[in-house]
Protein backbone atom coordinates (compact mmCIF):
# COMPACT_ATOMS: atom_id res chain seq x y z
CA UNK A 1 -37.36 31.48 8.43
CA UNK A 2 -37.43 29.68 5.09
CA UNK A 3 -36.84 32.93 3.19
CA UNK A 4 -34.00 33.89 5.55
CA UNK A 5 -32.32 30.51 5.10
CA UNK A 6 -32.69 30.82 1.33
CA UNK A 7 -30.91 34.18 1.39
CA UNK A 8 -28.10 32.80 3.54
CA UNK A 9 -27.75 29.80 1.22
CA UNK A 10 -27.42 32.19 -1.72
CA UNK A 11 -24.75 34.15 0.18
CA UNK A 12 -22.85 30.91 0.77
CA UNK A 13 -23.03 30.03 -2.92
CA UNK A 14 -21.64 33.46 -3.79
CA UNK A 15 -18.76 32.91 -1.38
CA UNK A 16 -19.73 35.76 0.95
CA UNK A 17 -20.05 33.37 3.90
CA UNK A 18 -19.34 29.71 4.45
CA UNK A 19 -22.12 27.12 4.42
CA UNK A 20 -21.42 26.35 8.09
CA UNK A 21 -21.75 30.02 8.99
CA UNK A 22 -25.07 30.17 7.15
CA UNK A 23 -26.41 27.24 9.15
CA UNK A 24 -25.52 29.00 12.41
CA UNK A 25 -26.69 32.46 11.33
CA UNK A 26 -30.22 31.41 10.35
CA UNK A 27 -31.49 30.53 13.86
CA UNK A 28 -29.36 33.31 15.38
CA UNK A 29 -30.98 36.02 13.25
CA UNK A 30 -34.45 34.50 13.49
CA UNK A 31 -34.23 34.45 17.30
CA UNK A 32 -33.48 38.19 17.24
CA UNK A 33 -36.46 39.10 15.15
CA UNK A 34 -34.85 39.31 11.71
CA UNK A 35 -37.66 38.40 9.31
CA UNK A 36 -37.69 38.39 5.52
CA UNK A 37 -41.22 38.57 4.24
CA UNK A 38 -42.15 36.99 0.94
CA UNK A 39 -44.89 38.64 -1.10
CA UNK A 40 -47.49 35.97 -1.72
CA UNK A 41 -49.17 38.08 -4.38
CA UNK A 42 -46.11 37.92 -6.61
CA UNK A 43 -44.83 34.35 -6.63
CA UNK A 44 -41.56 33.91 -8.41
CA UNK A 45 -39.91 30.87 -9.88
CA UNK A 46 -36.50 29.88 -8.58
CA UNK A 47 -33.66 31.78 -10.16
CA UNK A 48 -32.32 30.05 -13.24
CA UNK A 49 -29.80 30.90 -15.93
CA UNK A 50 -29.40 29.38 -19.38
CA UNK A 51 -25.65 29.98 -19.48
CA UNK A 52 -24.67 26.59 -18.00
CA UNK A 53 -21.93 28.33 -16.02
CA UNK A 54 -20.09 26.31 -13.37
CA UNK A 55 -18.71 28.40 -10.54
CA UNK A 56 -15.16 29.14 -11.69
CA UNK A 57 -14.24 32.77 -11.15
CA UNK A 58 -15.69 35.59 -9.08
CA UNK A 59 -13.12 38.14 -10.20
CA UNK A 60 -9.53 38.72 -11.23
CA UNK A 61 -8.59 38.13 -7.60
CA UNK A 62 -9.23 34.41 -8.20
CA UNK A 63 -7.17 34.46 -11.39
CA UNK A 64 -4.22 36.17 -9.70
CA UNK A 65 -4.19 33.68 -6.82
CA UNK A 66 -4.49 30.78 -9.27
CA UNK A 67 -1.46 32.01 -11.22
CA UNK A 68 0.47 32.12 -7.96
CA UNK A 69 -0.63 28.57 -7.11
CA UNK A 70 0.48 27.23 -10.49
CA UNK A 71 3.89 28.93 -10.32
CA UNK A 72 4.55 27.91 -6.71
CA UNK A 73 3.49 24.29 -7.21
CA UNK A 74 5.50 24.02 -10.44
CA UNK A 75 8.61 25.16 -8.60
CA UNK A 76 7.93 22.91 -5.63
CA UNK A 77 7.27 19.94 -7.92
CA UNK A 78 10.62 20.45 -9.61
CA UNK A 79 12.68 20.79 -6.43
CA UNK A 80 10.94 18.70 -3.76
CA UNK A 81 9.77 15.14 -3.47
CA UNK A 82 6.20 13.97 -4.04
CA UNK A 83 5.75 13.60 -0.29
CA UNK A 84 6.42 17.32 0.14
CA UNK A 85 4.05 18.49 -2.58
CA UNK A 86 0.87 17.00 -1.08
CA UNK A 87 1.13 18.84 2.29
CA UNK A 88 1.68 22.09 0.40
CA UNK A 89 -1.45 21.47 -1.69
CA UNK A 90 -3.49 20.71 1.42
CA UNK A 91 -2.26 23.82 3.25
CA UNK A 92 -3.28 25.95 0.26
CA UNK A 93 -6.64 24.14 0.15
CA UNK A 94 -7.27 24.87 3.83
CA UNK A 95 -6.69 28.59 3.30
CA UNK A 96 -8.09 29.20 -0.17
CA UNK A 97 -10.85 26.58 -0.40
CA UNK A 98 -11.98 25.76 3.12
CA UNK A 99 -11.80 29.30 4.50
CA UNK A 100 -12.04 31.69 1.55
CA UNK A 101 -14.11 29.45 -0.78
CA UNK A 102 -12.30 30.61 -3.93
CA UNK A 103 -13.73 28.75 -6.91
CA UNK A 104 -10.92 28.76 -9.49
CA UNK A 105 -8.16 27.90 -6.98
CA UNK A 106 -10.40 25.07 -5.75
CA UNK A 107 -10.51 23.60 -9.27
CA UNK A 108 -6.75 23.94 -9.75
CA UNK A 109 -5.92 22.42 -6.36
CA UNK A 110 -8.31 19.53 -7.01
CA UNK A 111 -6.56 18.81 -10.30
CA UNK A 112 -3.21 19.09 -8.50
CA UNK A 113 -4.30 16.40 -6.01
CA UNK A 114 -5.47 14.18 -8.88
CA UNK A 115 -2.16 14.63 -10.73
CA UNK A 116 -0.22 14.01 -7.50
CA UNK A 117 -2.13 10.74 -7.03
CA UNK A 118 -1.30 9.72 -10.60
CA UNK A 119 2.40 10.44 -10.13
CA UNK A 120 2.45 8.63 -6.81
CA UNK A 121 0.79 5.53 -8.24
CA UNK A 122 3.22 5.54 -11.18
CA UNK A 123 6.07 5.46 -8.70
CA UNK A 124 4.47 2.44 -7.00
CA UNK A 125 3.41 0.70 -10.24
CA UNK A 126 5.86 1.69 -12.98
CA UNK A 127 4.27 2.14 -16.39
CA UNK A 128 4.66 -0.85 -18.68
CA UNK A 129 2.78 -2.50 -21.51
CA UNK A 130 1.50 -5.39 -19.42
CA UNK A 131 -0.16 -3.04 -16.94
CA UNK A 132 -2.26 -1.29 -19.57
CA UNK A 133 -2.80 -3.98 -22.22
CA UNK A 134 -3.48 -7.03 -20.07
CA UNK A 135 -4.92 -5.22 -17.06
CA UNK A 136 -2.52 -6.97 -14.68
CA UNK A 137 -2.40 -4.70 -11.64
CA UNK A 138 -4.48 -1.91 -13.18
CA UNK A 139 -7.15 -2.28 -10.50
CA UNK A 140 -4.57 -1.71 -7.75
CA UNK A 141 -3.29 1.29 -9.70
CA UNK A 142 -6.75 2.89 -9.96
CA UNK A 143 -8.04 2.19 -6.45
CA UNK A 144 -6.24 5.20 -4.94
CA UNK A 145 -8.07 7.73 -7.11
CA UNK A 146 -11.68 7.35 -5.86
CA UNK A 147 -10.44 7.09 -2.27
CA UNK A 148 -8.22 10.18 -2.31
CA UNK A 149 -10.59 12.32 -4.38
CA UNK A 150 -13.51 11.22 -2.20
CA UNK A 151 -11.66 12.25 0.95
CA UNK A 152 -10.73 15.56 -0.66
CA UNK A 153 -14.38 16.18 -1.49
CA UNK A 154 -15.56 15.33 2.02
CA UNK A 155 -13.14 17.89 3.42
CA UNK A 156 -13.44 20.73 0.90
CA UNK A 157 -16.72 20.10 -0.94
CA UNK A 158 -15.31 20.86 -4.38
CA UNK A 159 -17.73 19.58 -7.08
CA UNK A 160 -14.87 18.58 -9.38
CA UNK A 161 -13.44 16.34 -6.64
CA UNK A 162 -16.73 14.43 -6.37
CA UNK A 163 -16.94 14.13 -10.16
CA UNK A 164 -13.38 12.78 -10.33
CA UNK A 165 -14.14 10.35 -7.50
CA UNK A 166 -17.20 9.05 -9.36
CA UNK A 167 -15.34 8.82 -12.64
CA UNK A 168 -12.35 7.00 -11.15
CA UNK A 169 -14.70 4.77 -9.16
CA UNK A 170 -16.37 3.72 -12.40
CA UNK A 171 -12.94 3.11 -13.92
CA UNK A 172 -12.12 0.87 -10.94
CA UNK A 173 -15.34 -1.09 -11.48
CA UNK A 174 -14.41 -1.48 -15.15
CA UNK A 175 -10.94 -2.75 -14.21
CA UNK A 176 -12.41 -5.23 -11.73
CA UNK A 177 -14.85 -6.52 -14.36
CA UNK A 178 -11.97 -7.14 -16.75
CA UNK A 179 -9.98 -8.86 -14.00
CA UNK A 180 -12.96 -11.10 -13.27
CA UNK A 181 -13.30 -11.97 -16.95
CA UNK A 182 -9.58 -12.71 -17.16
CA UNK A 183 -9.82 -14.98 -14.14
CA UNK A 184 -12.94 -16.73 -15.42
CA UNK A 185 -11.58 -17.29 -18.92
CA UNK A 186 -7.98 -18.00 -17.93
CA UNK A 187 -6.86 -15.57 -20.64
CA UNK A 188 -4.45 -12.89 -19.40
CA UNK A 189 -4.86 -10.99 -22.70
CA UNK A 190 -8.67 -11.03 -22.55
CA UNK A 191 -8.93 -7.33 -23.45
CA UNK A 192 -6.99 -7.85 -26.67
CA UNK A 193 -8.57 -11.16 -27.63
CA UNK A 194 -12.26 -10.24 -27.13
CA UNK A 195 -12.73 -6.77 -28.69
CA UNK A 196 -16.48 -7.16 -29.24
CA UNK A 197 -17.31 -7.93 -25.60
CA UNK A 198 -14.88 -5.25 -24.44
CA UNK A 199 -16.61 -2.68 -26.66
CA UNK A 200 -20.00 -3.59 -25.16
CA UNK A 201 -18.62 -3.20 -21.63
CA UNK A 202 -17.06 0.17 -22.49
CA UNK A 203 -20.35 1.37 -23.92
CA UNK A 204 -22.20 0.22 -20.80
CA UNK A 205 -19.74 2.17 -18.63
CA UNK A 206 -20.20 5.29 -20.76
CA UNK A 207 -23.98 4.97 -20.39
CA UNK A 208 -23.55 4.50 -16.64
CA UNK A 209 -21.48 7.68 -16.41
CA UNK A 210 -24.12 9.56 -18.40
CA UNK A 211 -26.89 8.25 -16.14
CA UNK A 212 -24.93 9.40 -13.07
CA UNK A 213 -24.49 12.86 -14.58
CA UNK A 214 -28.15 13.01 -15.54
CA UNK A 215 -29.12 12.01 -12.00
CA UNK A 216 -27.28 15.03 -10.59
CA UNK A 217 -28.92 17.23 -13.26
CA UNK A 218 -32.47 16.06 -12.60
CA UNK A 219 -32.02 16.53 -8.85
CA UNK A 220 -31.26 20.22 -9.44
CA UNK A 221 -33.52 21.30 -12.28
CA UNK A 222 -32.93 25.03 -11.81
CA UNK A 223 -29.18 24.56 -11.30
CA UNK A 224 -28.94 26.48 -8.05
CA UNK A 225 -26.72 24.07 -6.09
CA UNK A 226 -23.33 22.42 -6.46
CA UNK A 227 -25.06 19.27 -7.77
CA UNK A 228 -25.32 21.10 -11.07
CA UNK A 229 -21.56 21.71 -11.03
CA UNK A 230 -20.91 18.01 -10.39
CA UNK A 231 -23.18 17.19 -13.34
CA UNK A 232 -21.24 19.64 -15.52
CA UNK A 233 -17.94 17.85 -14.89
CA UNK A 234 -19.48 14.41 -15.34
CA UNK A 235 -21.11 15.40 -18.64
CA UNK A 236 -17.75 16.77 -19.78
CA UNK A 237 -16.41 13.21 -19.63
CA UNK A 238 -19.63 11.34 -20.41
CA UNK A 239 -20.18 13.08 -23.76
CA UNK A 240 -16.90 12.00 -25.45
CA UNK A 241 -17.08 8.63 -23.69
CA UNK A 242 -20.45 7.96 -25.29
CA UNK A 243 -19.30 9.13 -28.70
CA UNK A 244 -16.16 7.03 -28.90
CA UNK A 245 -17.61 3.98 -27.19
CA UNK A 246 -20.40 3.99 -29.80
CA UNK A 247 -17.78 4.20 -32.54
CA UNK A 248 -15.99 1.21 -31.09
CA UNK A 249 -19.26 -0.67 -30.58
CA UNK A 250 -20.20 -0.18 -34.23
CA UNK A 251 -16.75 -1.31 -35.36
CA UNK A 252 -15.79 2.21 -36.34
CA UNK A 253 -12.44 1.94 -34.60
CA UNK A 254 -10.18 1.52 -37.58
CA UNK A 255 -8.13 4.50 -36.42
CA UNK A 256 -8.70 8.16 -35.69
CA UNK A 257 -8.41 9.11 -39.36
CA UNK A 258 -10.40 6.30 -40.99
CA UNK A 259 -13.52 8.44 -41.31
CA UNK A 260 -11.53 10.81 -43.55
CA UNK A 261 -11.61 8.14 -46.27
CA UNK A 262 -13.70 9.49 -49.12
CA UNK A 263 -15.17 6.08 -49.88
CA UNK A 264 -15.82 5.01 -46.29
CA UNK A 265 -19.38 4.12 -45.29
CA UNK A 266 -18.44 5.19 -41.78
CA UNK A 267 -18.58 8.91 -42.55
CA UNK A 268 -22.39 9.35 -42.71
CA UNK A 269 -22.84 7.03 -39.72
CA UNK A 270 -20.49 9.17 -37.63
CA UNK A 271 -22.31 12.34 -38.69
CA UNK A 272 -25.62 10.82 -37.54
CA UNK A 273 -24.11 9.79 -34.19
CA UNK A 274 -22.73 13.29 -33.58
CA UNK A 275 -26.08 14.82 -34.53
CA UNK A 276 -27.91 12.55 -32.06
CA UNK A 277 -25.52 13.52 -29.28
CA UNK A 278 -26.06 17.18 -30.10
CA UNK A 279 -29.81 16.57 -29.86
CA UNK A 280 -29.32 14.99 -26.42
CA UNK A 281 -27.32 18.05 -25.42
CA UNK A 282 -30.17 20.33 -26.47
CA UNK A 283 -32.72 18.27 -24.54
CA UNK A 284 -30.78 18.23 -21.26
CA UNK A 285 -29.27 21.69 -21.86
CA UNK A 286 -25.63 20.58 -21.79
CA UNK A 287 -23.32 22.05 -24.41
CA UNK A 288 -20.63 19.44 -23.69
CA UNK A 289 -22.49 17.10 -26.04
CA UNK A 290 -21.95 19.60 -28.84
CA UNK A 291 -18.28 20.31 -28.24
CA UNK A 292 -17.34 16.66 -27.70
CA UNK A 293 -18.18 15.72 -31.28
CA UNK A 294 -16.57 18.65 -33.08
CA UNK A 295 -13.29 16.89 -33.89
CA UNK A 296 -15.06 13.77 -35.15
CA UNK A 297 -17.55 15.89 -37.10
CA UNK A 298 -14.70 17.84 -38.69
CA UNK A 299 -12.93 14.65 -39.78
CA UNK A 300 -16.19 13.29 -41.23
CA UNK A 301 -16.88 16.47 -43.19
CA UNK A 302 -13.29 16.38 -44.46
CA UNK A 303 -13.97 12.85 -45.73
CA UNK A 304 -17.09 14.05 -47.54
CA UNK A 305 -15.12 16.85 -49.23
CA UNK A 306 -12.58 14.36 -50.49
CA UNK A 307 -15.20 12.93 -52.82
CA UNK A 308 -14.72 16.02 -54.95
CA UNK A 309 -11.66 17.12 -56.93
CA UNK A 310 -10.75 20.22 -54.93
CA UNK A 311 -7.32 20.91 -53.46
CA UNK A 312 -6.26 19.92 -49.97
CA UNK A 313 -6.49 23.56 -48.87
CA UNK A 314 -10.13 23.59 -49.91
CA UNK A 315 -10.78 20.47 -47.84
CA UNK A 316 -9.15 21.90 -44.74
CA UNK A 317 -10.53 25.44 -44.81
CA UNK A 318 -13.93 24.34 -46.07
CA UNK A 319 -14.18 21.93 -43.15
CA UNK A 320 -13.19 24.67 -40.70
CA UNK A 321 -15.84 27.02 -42.13
CA UNK A 322 -18.64 24.44 -41.92
CA UNK A 323 -17.76 23.32 -38.38
CA UNK A 324 -17.41 26.95 -37.29
CA UNK A 325 -20.80 27.86 -38.75
CA UNK A 326 -22.42 24.87 -37.03
CA UNK A 327 -20.95 25.94 -33.70
CA UNK A 328 -22.06 29.56 -34.19
CA UNK A 329 -25.59 28.57 -35.21
CA UNK A 330 -26.03 26.21 -32.30
CA UNK A 331 -24.32 28.59 -29.87
CA UNK A 332 -26.26 31.72 -30.77
CA UNK A 333 -29.54 29.92 -31.35
CA UNK A 334 -29.27 27.51 -28.44
CA UNK A 335 -32.40 28.60 -26.57
CA UNK A 336 -34.72 28.91 -29.64
CA UNK A 337 -33.53 25.52 -30.89
CA UNK A 338 -34.01 24.03 -27.45
CA UNK A 339 -37.56 25.40 -27.19
CA UNK A 340 -38.38 23.74 -30.50
CA UNK A 341 -37.03 20.41 -29.26
CA UNK A 342 -38.79 20.64 -25.89
CA UNK A 343 -42.06 21.51 -27.60
CA UNK A 344 -41.97 18.10 -29.31
CA UNK A 345 -41.42 16.19 -26.05
CA UNK A 346 -44.13 14.96 -23.64
CA UNK A 347 -45.00 17.47 -20.91
CA UNK A 348 -44.05 15.00 -18.18
CA UNK A 349 -40.51 14.85 -19.53
CA UNK A 350 -40.24 18.62 -20.05
CA UNK A 351 -41.27 19.30 -16.46
CA UNK A 352 -38.22 17.40 -15.18
CA UNK A 353 -35.75 19.18 -17.47
CA UNK A 354 -34.24 22.67 -17.09
CA UNK A 355 -36.67 25.35 -18.36
CA UNK A 356 -36.50 26.19 -22.04
């Protein structure tokens, strides 16, 4: 029975049947004598892949339908009101996500719901400087996102929807913390007047997001369930959030281009931070921690080049070559590098991480 249920679960993950159908089929087939025997003499580890591939596309069929969704929604968005767009999205979700379980259309429709929520909240709370700089009303603006994305996830079970609900929920908590600090201090411009405390809070939120993503990862070590997909989306946001919150925390927020200064002490510090995040990515087997720091790493290397007397073209193309080589080396040698890192870690830690 356990083997039969495992096979049906795999069929559901591949989109051949729905999860509900798998739950009903297992006892139905078992009651009629359908038995899948496991060979005890040849135990096998759970299937696992090192490609870190979220479930996006099963074929060009998904791509073709997604193109149709984008074109149709773009036209509808231009001609109809916001109140008309949401029912259309939900009808498409019922057909393509709930019934057919198409992965790429599920991602696009989830993003469409998120964007619809953003547009709707902008119509309720018009964008202005006070809303974003002082935080006045920002909590009421954000509150719709975790609610709507959470409801969308409960109905359609799209991993991205849960990740967006968690992310927006954390943003709501952050907004409420700032509102509480404003109320306690009596300073409506608390965010602008207390940059040090704000940077600590932002860093704590980034760490919290990373911990949430890591929790989903550790609960699915072999990455066989949708929990791994949720972790993928959370890491995609957690990695840059950690990088830039650390920069702010260390007073490295003098502007996006300040690390390009040839005489800046910030350049080597930024390189070390990016390297540490890449190391974390190797340990937990998440490439998002490598890609998130590429822009910052490129700007830092550009700053190092400026210490010489070469031309601007040399700075630019030399930086591109070095960053490209780093990406290629890490990308092609990911598994050997990861085995080296895991070999240096305690066995108790390694046993909880994805296999190397």
